[in-house]
């Protein structure tokens, strides 16, 4: 499981450059993420779509990220756990 910090417009480009190391894991803990914006959700969507099972497990997801996942209707790509 990977532990992630903020996922936003400013941090996602660096994560994207190192995406191969993330795409090999199927679980992410967002307990360290105080901000998750649409760029962060887009990164998580791309990550999920690159997994063999096309489903990413997310733990400790901030409320704003949950709202964006619902708004963008991409919830089928995630197993959301507390």
PDB file of N, CA and C in Angstrom:
ATOM      1  N   UNK A   1       0.848  -1.168   0.000  1.00  0.00           N
ATOM      2  CA  UNK A   1       0.000   0.000   0.000  1.00  0.00           C
ATOM      3  C   UNK A   1       0.899   1.239   0.000  1.00  0.00           C
ATOM      4  N   UNK A   2       0.499   2.216  -0.786  1.00  0.00           N
ATOM      5  CA  UNK A   2       1.223   3.481  -0.850  1.00  0.00           C
ATOM      6  C   UNK A   2       0.502   4.530  -0.018  1.00  0.00           C
ATOM      7  N   UNK A   3       1.261   5.338   0.661  1.00  0.00           N
ATOM      8  CA  UNK A   3       0.715   6.444   1.442  1.00  0.00           C
ATOM      9  C   UNK A   3       0.943   7.728   0.670  1.00  0.00           C
ATOM     10  N   UNK A   4      -0.137   8.433   0.381  1.00  0.00           N
ATOM     11  CA  UNK A   4      -0.050   9.636  -0.433  1.00  0.00           C
ATOM     12  C   UNK A   4      -0.356  10.881   0.384  1.00  0.00           C
ATOM     13  N   UNK A   5       0.284  11.959   0.000  1.00  0.00           N
ATOM     14  CA  UNK A   5      -0.012  13.264   0.578  1.00  0.00           C
ATOM     15  C   UNK A   5      -0.953  13.999  -0.373  1.00  0.00           C
ATOM     16  N   UNK A   6      -0.905  15.295  -0.384  1.00  0.00           N
ATOM     17  CA  UNK A   6      -1.810  16.092  -1.205  1.00  0.00           C
ATOM     18  C   UNK A   6      -1.776  15.669  -2.671  1.00  0.00           C
ATOM     19  N   UNK A   7      -2.967  15.601  -3.247  1.00  0.00           N
ATOM     20  CA  UNK A   7      -3.110  15.280  -4.671  1.00  0.00           C
ATOM     21  C   UNK A   7      -3.827  16.452  -5.314  1.00  0.00           C
ATOM     22  N   UNK A   8      -3.052  17.343  -5.891  1.00  0.00           N
ATOM     23  CA  UNK A   8      -3.655  18.534  -6.486  1.00  0.00           C
ATOM     24  C   UNK A   8      -2.874  18.963  -7.726  1.00  0.00           C
ATOM     25  N   UNK A   9      -3.334  20.040  -8.321  1.00  0.00           N
ATOM     26  CA  UNK A   9      -2.754  20.562  -9.552  1.00  0.00           C
ATOM     27  C   UNK A   9      -1.246  20.778  -9.440  1.00  0.00           C
ATOM     28  N   UNK A  10      -0.777  21.111  -8.246  1.00  0.00           N
ATOM     29  CA  UNK A  10       0.650  21.381  -8.056  1.00  0.00           C
ATOM     30  C   UNK A  10       1.468  20.111  -7.853  1.00  0.00           C
ATOM     31  N   UNK A  11       0.888  19.082  -7.232  1.00  0.00           N
ATOM     32  CA  UNK A  11       1.663  17.888  -6.897  1.00  0.00           C
ATOM     33  C   UNK A  11       1.549  16.761  -7.925  1.00  0.00           C
ATOM     34  N   UNK A  12       0.470  16.735  -8.669  1.00  0.00           N
ATOM     35  CA  UNK A  12       0.233  15.624  -9.602  1.00  0.00           C
ATOM     36  C   UNK A  12       1.288  15.522 -10.704  1.00  0.00           C
ATOM     37  N   UNK A  13       1.787  16.616 -11.292  1.00  0.00           N
ATOM     38  CA  UNK A  13       2.804  16.456 -12.345  1.00  0.00           C
ATOM     39  C   UNK A  13       4.029  15.651 -11.895  1.00  0.00           C
ATOM     40  N   UNK A  14       4.491  15.867 -10.683  1.00  0.00           N
ATOM     41  CA  UNK A  14       5.640  15.100 -10.183  1.00  0.00           C
ATOM     42  C   UNK A  14       5.268  13.634  -9.976  1.00  0.00           C
ATOM     43  N   UNK A  15       4.067  13.398  -9.464  1.00  0.00           N
ATOM     44  CA  UNK A  15       3.609  12.017  -9.289  1.00  0.00           C
ATOM     45  C   UNK A  15       3.478  11.316 -10.637  1.00  0.00           C
ATOM     46  N   UNK A  16       2.977  12.041 -11.610  1.00  0.00           N
ATOM     47  CA  UNK A  16       2.784  11.465 -12.946  1.00  0.00           C
ATOM     48  C   UNK A  16       4.112  11.025 -13.556  1.00  0.00           C
ATOM     49  N   UNK A  17       5.156  11.808 -13.335  1.00  0.00           N
ATOM     50  CA  UNK A  17       6.470  11.447 -13.877  1.00  0.00           C
ATOM     51  C   UNK A  17       6.960  10.126 -13.298  1.00  0.00           C
ATOM     52  N   UNK A  18       6.567   9.827 -12.057  1.00  0.00           N
ATOM     53  CA  UNK A  18       7.003   8.614 -11.373  1.00  0.00           C
ATOM     54  C   UNK A  18       5.872   7.582 -11.311  1.00  0.00           C
ATOM     55  N   UNK A  19       4.919   7.684 -12.242  1.00  0.00           N
ATOM     56  CA  UNK A  19       3.705   6.868 -12.180  1.00  0.00           C
ATOM     57  C   UNK A  19       3.959   5.370 -12.222  1.00  0.00           C
ATOM     58  N   UNK A  20       4.994   4.920 -12.884  1.00  0.00           N
ATOM     59  CA  UNK A  20       5.261   3.481 -12.982  1.00  0.00           C
ATOM     60  C   UNK A  20       5.408   2.851 -11.601  1.00  0.00           C
ATOM     61  N   UNK A  21       5.998   3.568 -10.672  1.00  0.00           N
ATOM     62  CA  UNK A  21       6.156   3.021  -9.326  1.00  0.00           C
ATOM     63  C   UNK A  21       4.821   2.953  -8.587  1.00  0.00           C
ATOM     64  N   UNK A  22       3.883   3.821  -8.927  1.00  0.00           N
ATOM     65  CA  UNK A  22       2.563   3.805  -8.296  1.00  0.00           C
ATOM     66  C   UNK A  22       1.669   2.747  -8.928  1.00  0.00           C
ATOM     67  N   UNK A  23       1.737   2.631 -10.215  1.00  0.00           N
ATOM     68  CA  UNK A  23       0.829   1.745 -10.948  1.00  0.00           C
ATOM     69  C   UNK A  23       1.041   0.274 -10.617  1.00  0.00           C
ATOM     70  N   UNK A  24       2.121  -0.071  -9.944  1.00  0.00           N
ATOM     71  CA  UNK A  24       2.355  -1.463  -9.579  1.00  0.00           C
ATOM     72  C   UNK A  24       1.643  -1.848  -8.284  1.00  0.00           C
ATOM     73  N   UNK A  25       1.095  -0.885  -7.574  1.00  0.00           N
ATOM     74  CA  UNK A  25       0.396  -1.136  -6.314  1.00  0.00           C
ATOM     75  C   UNK A  25      -1.102  -0.945  -6.523  1.00  0.00           C
ATOM     76  N   UNK A  26      -1.913  -1.724  -5.842  1.00  0.00           N
ATOM     77  CA  UNK A  26      -3.368  -1.637  -6.024  1.00  0.00           C
ATOM     78  C   UNK A  26      -4.088  -1.014  -4.832  1.00  0.00           C
ATOM     79  N   UNK A  27      -3.324  -0.460  -3.867  1.00  0.00           N
ATOM     80  CA  UNK A  27      -3.925   0.189  -2.706  1.00  0.00           C
ATOM     81  C   UNK A  27      -3.216   1.508  -2.416  1.00  0.00           C
ATOM     82  N   UNK A  28      -4.020   2.509  -2.038  1.00  0.00           N
ATOM     83  CA  UNK A  28      -3.465   3.812  -1.671  1.00  0.00           C
ATOM     84  C   UNK A  28      -4.157   4.306  -0.407  1.00  0.00           C
ATOM     85  N   UNK A  29      -3.376   4.827   0.514  1.00  0.00           N
ATOM     86  CA  UNK A  29      -3.899   5.416   1.743  1.00  0.00           C
ATOM     87  C   UNK A  29      -3.770   6.929   1.616  1.00  0.00           C
ATOM     88  N   UNK A  30      -4.890   7.617   1.707  1.00  0.00           N
ATOM     89  CA  UNK A  30      -4.903   9.070   1.545  1.00  0.00           C
ATOM     90  C   UNK A  30      -4.984   9.801   2.880  1.00  0.00           C
ATOM     91  N   UNK A  31      -4.610   9.155   3.972  1.00  0.00           N
ATOM     92  CA  UNK A  31      -4.698   9.796   5.280  1.00  0.00           C
ATOM     93  C   UNK A  31      -3.800  11.028   5.386  1.00  0.00           C
ATOM     94  N   UNK A  32      -2.763  11.109   4.584  1.00  0.00           N
ATOM     95  CA  UNK A  32      -1.871  12.261   4.612  1.00  0.00           C
ATOM     96  C   UNK A  32      -2.268  13.368   3.648  1.00  0.00           C
ATOM     97  N   UNK A  33      -3.364  13.177   2.928  1.00  0.00           N
ATOM     98  CA  UNK A  33      -3.792  14.155   1.916  1.00  0.00           C
ATOM     99  C   UNK A  33      -4.775  15.145   2.525  1.00  0.00           C
ATOM    100  N   UNK A  34      -4.324  16.366   2.707  1.00  0.00           N
ATOM    101  CA  UNK A  34      -5.237  17.400   3.209  1.00  0.00           C
ATOM    102  C   UNK A  34      -6.010  18.054   2.065  1.00  0.00           C
ATOM    103  N   UNK A  35      -5.474  17.967   0.850  1.00  0.00           N
ATOM    104  CA  UNK A  35      -6.190  18.480  -0.324  1.00  0.00           C
ATOM    105  C   UNK A  35      -6.150  17.464  -1.450  1.00  0.00           C
ATOM    106  N   UNK A  36      -7.302  17.271  -2.055  1.00  0.00           N
ATOM    107  CA  UNK A  36      -7.425  16.444  -3.256  1.00  0.00           C
ATOM    108  C   UNK A  36      -8.361  17.207  -4.185  1.00  0.00           C
ATOM    109  N   UNK A  37      -7.843  17.620  -5.336  1.00  0.00           N
ATOM    110  CA  UNK A  37      -8.688  18.350  -6.288  1.00  0.00           C
ATOM    111  C   UNK A  37      -8.932  17.474  -7.514  1.00  0.00           C
ATOM    112  N   UNK A  38      -9.489  18.065  -8.559  1.00  0.00           N
ATOM    113  CA  UNK A  38      -9.842  17.289  -9.751  1.00  0.00           C
ATOM    114  C   UNK A  38      -8.609  16.670 -10.407  1.00  0.00           C
ATOM    115  N   UNK A  39      -7.467  17.340 -10.344  1.00  0.00           N
ATOM    116  CA  UNK A  39      -6.235  16.768 -10.901  1.00  0.00           C
ATOM    117  C   UNK A  39      -5.844  15.515 -10.112  1.00  0.00           C
ATOM    118  N   UNK A  40      -6.026  15.543  -8.814  1.00  0.00           N
ATOM    119  CA  UNK A  40      -5.736  14.384  -7.975  1.00  0.00           C
ATOM    120  C   UNK A  40      -6.652  13.216  -8.283  1.00  0.00           C
ATOM    121  N   UNK A  41      -7.924  13.495  -8.452  1.00  0.00           N
ATOM    122  CA  UNK A  41      -8.871  12.432  -8.800  1.00  0.00           C
ATOM    123  C   UNK A  41      -8.536  11.873 -10.183  1.00  0.00           C
ATOM    124  N   UNK A  42      -8.161  12.722 -11.117  1.00  0.00           N
ATOM    125  CA  UNK A  42      -7.772  12.261 -12.455  1.00  0.00           C
ATOM    126  C   UNK A  42      -6.565  11.320 -12.368  1.00  0.00           C
ATOM    127  N   UNK A  43      -5.608  11.649 -11.507  1.00  0.00           N
ATOM    128  CA  UNK A  43      -4.445  10.777 -11.315  1.00  0.00           C
ATOM    129  C   UNK A  43      -4.880   9.416 -10.776  1.00  0.00           C
ATOM    130  N   UNK A  44      -5.790   9.415  -9.803  1.00  0.00           N
ATOM    131  CA  UNK A  44      -6.287   8.158  -9.237  1.00  0.00           C
ATOM    132  C   UNK A  44      -7.050   7.342 -10.280  1.00  0.00           C
ATOM    133  N   UNK A  45      -7.803   8.019 -11.131  1.00  0.00           N
ATOM    134  CA  UNK A  45      -8.544   7.336 -12.200  1.00  0.00           C
ATOM    135  C   UNK A  45      -7.563   6.665 -13.168  1.00  0.00           C
ATOM    136  N   UNK A  46      -6.539   7.384 -13.582  1.00  0.00           N
ATOM    137  CA  UNK A  46      -5.541   6.812 -14.498  1.00  0.00           C
ATOM    138  C   UNK A  46      -4.841   5.623 -13.846  1.00  0.00           C
ATOM    139  N   UNK A  47      -4.551   5.751 -12.562  1.00  0.00           N
ATOM    140  CA  UNK A  47      -3.904   4.672 -11.822  1.00  0.00           C
ATOM    141  C   UNK A  47      -4.802   3.430 -11.835  1.00  0.00           C
ATOM    142  N   UNK A  48      -6.070   3.616 -11.489  1.00  0.00           N
ATOM    143  CA  UNK A  48      -7.010   2.486 -11.465  1.00  0.00           C
ATOM    144  C   UNK A  48      -7.123   1.836 -12.839  1.00  0.00           C
ATOM    145  N   UNK A  49      -7.189   2.640 -13.876  1.00  0.00           N
ATOM    146  CA  UNK A  49      -7.349   2.103 -15.225  1.00  0.00           C
ATOM    147  C   UNK A  49      -6.114   1.358 -15.717  1.00  0.00           C
ATOM    148  N   UNK A  50      -4.976   1.591 -15.087  1.00  0.00           N
ATOM    149  CA  UNK A  50      -3.750   0.896 -15.473  1.00  0.00           C
ATOM    150  C   UNK A  50      -3.508  -0.382 -14.680  1.00  0.00           C
ATOM    151  N   UNK A  51      -4.371  -0.682 -13.724  1.00  0.00           N
ATOM    152  CA  UNK A  51      -4.252  -1.926 -12.967  1.00  0.00           C
ATOM    153  C   UNK A  51      -4.918  -3.058 -13.747  1.00  0.00           C
ATOM    154  N   UNK A  52      -4.410  -4.273 -13.624  1.00  0.00           N
ATOM    155  CA  UNK A  52      -5.019  -5.400 -14.347  1.00  0.00           C
ATOM    156  C   UNK A  52      -6.512  -5.567 -14.033  1.00  0.00           C
ATOM    157  N   UNK A  53      -6.894  -5.373 -12.778  1.00  0.00           N
ATOM    158  CA  UNK A  53      -8.293  -5.523 -12.382  1.00  0.00           C
ATOM    159  C   UNK A  53      -9.094  -4.229 -12.580  1.00  0.00           C
ATOM    160  N   UNK A  54      -8.413  -3.150 -13.007  1.00  0.00           N
ATOM    161  CA  UNK A  54      -9.045  -1.850 -13.267  1.00  0.00           C
ATOM    162  C   UNK A  54      -9.843  -1.350 -12.065  1.00  0.00           C
ATOM    163  N   UNK A  55      -9.281  -1.570 -10.864  1.00  0.00           N
ATOM    164  CA  UNK A  55      -9.939  -1.142  -9.636  1.00  0.00           C
ATOM    165  C   UNK A  55      -8.859  -0.873  -8.596  1.00  0.00           C
ATOM    166  N   UNK A  56      -8.882   0.315  -8.012  1.00  0.00           N
ATOM    167  CA  UNK A  56      -7.904   0.749  -7.024  1.00  0.00           C
ATOM    168  C   UNK A  56      -8.582   0.844  -5.664  1.00  0.00           C
ATOM    169  N   UNK A  57      -7.949   0.287  -4.642  1.00  0.00           N
ATOM    170  CA  UNK A  57      -8.475   0.395  -3.286  1.00  0.00           C
ATOM    171  C   UNK A  57      -7.938   1.668  -2.653  1.00  0.00           C
ATOM    172  N   UNK A  58      -8.854   2.498  -2.161  1.00  0.00           N
ATOM    173  CA  UNK A  58      -8.500   3.753  -1.501  1.00  0.00           C
ATOM    174  C   UNK A  58      -8.902   3.682  -0.033  1.00  0.00           C
ATOM    175  N   UNK A  59      -8.003   4.085   0.835  1.00  0.00           N
ATOM    176  CA  UNK A  59      -8.277   4.101   2.270  1.00  0.00           C
ATOM    177  C   UNK A  59      -8.154   5.524   2.788  1.00  0.00           C
ATOM    178  N   UNK A  60      -8.967   5.833   3.787  1.00  0.00           N
ATOM    179  CA  UNK A  60      -8.932   7.151   4.446  1.00  0.00           C
ATOM    180  C   UNK A  60      -9.080   8.300   3.439  1.00  0.00           C
ATOM    181  N   UNK A  61     -10.103   8.205   2.637  1.00  0.00           N
ATOM    182  CA  UNK A  61     -10.333   9.180   1.577  1.00  0.00           C
ATOM    183  C   UNK A  61     -10.986  10.441   2.161  1.00  0.00           C
ATOM    184  N   UNK A  62     -10.400  11.628   1.921  1.00  0.00           N
ATOM    185  CA  UNK A  62     -11.007  12.878   2.401  1.00  0.00           C
ATOM    186  C   UNK A  62     -12.388  13.099   1.776  1.00  0.00           C
ATOM    187  N   UNK A  63     -13.249  13.768   2.507  1.00  0.00           N
ATOM    188  CA  UNK A  63     -14.618  14.018   2.045  1.00  0.00           C
ATOM    189  C   UNK A  63     -14.663  14.717   0.690  1.00  0.00           C
ATOM    190  N   UNK A  64     -13.772  15.685   0.477  1.00  0.00           N
ATOM    191  CA  UNK A  64     -13.784  16.403  -0.805  1.00  0.00           C
ATOM    192  C   UNK A  64     -13.460  15.461  -1.965  1.00  0.00           C
ATOM    193  N   UNK A  65     -12.545  14.546  -1.745  1.00  0.00           N
ATOM    194  CA  UNK A  65     -12.206  13.582  -2.786  1.00  0.00           C
ATOM    195  C   UNK A  65     -13.393  12.662  -3.068  1.00  0.00           C
ATOM    196  N   UNK A  66     -14.089  12.236  -2.024  1.00  0.00           N
ATOM    197  CA  UNK A  66     -15.286  11.408  -2.217  1.00  0.00           C
ATOM    198  C   UNK A  66     -16.337  12.159  -3.025  1.00  0.00           C
ATOM    199  N   UNK A  67     -16.504  13.436  -2.722  1.00  0.00           N
ATOM    200  CA  UNK A  67     -17.477  14.249  -3.461  1.00  0.00           C
ATOM    201  C   UNK A  67     -17.096  14.352  -4.935  1.00  0.00           C
ATOM    202  N   UNK A  68     -15.823  14.533  -5.217  1.00  0.00           N
ATOM    203  CA  UNK A  68     -15.378  14.618  -6.615  1.00  0.00           C
ATOM    204  C   UNK A  68     -15.546  13.279  -7.331  1.00  0.00           C
ATOM    205  N   UNK A  69     -15.252  12.192  -6.649  1.00  0.00           N
ATOM    206  CA  UNK A  69     -15.419  10.863  -7.249  1.00  0.00           C
ATOM    207  C   UNK A  69     -16.883  10.648  -7.614  1.00  0.00           C
ATOM    208  N   UNK A  70     -17.791  11.073  -6.737  1.00  0.00           N
ATOM    209  CA  UNK A  70     -19.226  10.955  -7.033  1.00  0.00           C
ATOM    210  C   UNK A  70     -19.626  11.887  -8.176  1.00  0.00           C
ATOM    211  N   UNK A  71     -19.147  13.116  -8.138  1.00  0.00           N
ATOM    212  CA  UNK A  71     -19.487  14.099  -9.171  1.00  0.00           C
ATOM    213  C   UNK A  71     -19.050  13.626 -10.555  1.00  0.00           C
ATOM    214  N   UNK A  72     -17.847  13.080 -10.639  1.00  0.00           N
ATOM    215  CA  UNK A  72     -17.311  12.622 -11.917  1.00  0.00           C
ATOM    216  C   UNK A  72     -17.806  11.224 -12.292  1.00  0.00           C
ATOM    217  N   UNK A  73     -18.555  10.601 -11.390  1.00  0.00           N
ATOM    218  CA  UNK A  73     -19.146   9.272 -11.625  1.00  0.00           C
ATOM    219  C   UNK A  73     -18.090   8.234 -11.998  1.00  0.00           C
ATOM    220  N   UNK A  74     -17.021   8.201 -11.201  1.00  0.00           N
ATOM    221  CA  UNK A  74     -15.938   7.238 -11.437  1.00  0.00           C
ATOM    222  C   UNK A  74     -15.790   6.267 -10.260  1.00  0.00           C
ATOM    223  N   UNK A  75     -16.789   6.201  -9.424  1.00  0.00           N
ATOM    224  CA  UNK A  75     -16.742   5.346  -8.245  1.00  0.00           C
ATOM    225  C   UNK A  75     -16.534   3.877  -8.548  1.00  0.00           C
ATOM    226  N   UNK A  76     -16.944   3.423  -9.748  1.00  0.00           N
ATOM    227  CA  UNK A  76     -16.781   2.009 -10.093  1.00  0.00           C
ATOM    228  C   UNK A  76     -15.323   1.608 -10.234  1.00  0.00           C
ATOM    229  N   UNK A  77     -14.415   2.572 -10.277  1.00  0.00           N
ATOM    230  CA  UNK A  77     -12.986   2.288 -10.398  1.00  0.00           C
ATOM    231  C   UNK A  77     -12.303   2.098  -9.049  1.00  0.00           C
ATOM    232  N   UNK A  78     -13.052   2.306  -7.958  1.00  0.00           N
ATOM    233  CA  UNK A  78     -12.438   2.306  -6.634  1.00  0.00           C
ATOM    234  C   UNK A  78     -13.185   1.411  -5.640  1.00  0.00           C
ATOM    235  N   UNK A  79     -12.405   0.770  -4.767  1.00  0.00           N
ATOM    236  CA  UNK A  79     -12.908   0.147  -3.550  1.00  0.00           C
ATOM    237  C   UNK A  79     -12.553   1.158  -2.460  1.00  0.00           C
ATOM    238  N   UNK A  80     -13.524   1.746  -1.838  1.00  0.00           N
ATOM    239  CA  UNK A  80     -13.253   2.780  -0.844  1.00  0.00           C
ATOM    240  C   UNK A  80     -13.442   2.205   0.550  1.00  0.00           C
ATOM    241  N   UNK A  81     -12.365   2.249   1.341  1.00  0.00           N
ATOM    242  CA  UNK A  81     -12.361   1.725   2.708  1.00  0.00           C
ATOM    243  C   UNK A  81     -12.007   2.841   3.678  1.00  0.00           C
ATOM    244  N   UNK A  82     -12.411   2.646   4.913  1.00  0.00           N
ATOM    245  CA  UNK A  82     -12.085   3.643   5.947  1.00  0.00           C
ATOM    246  C   UNK A  82     -10.797   3.297   6.621  1.00  0.00           C
TER     247      UNK A  82
END
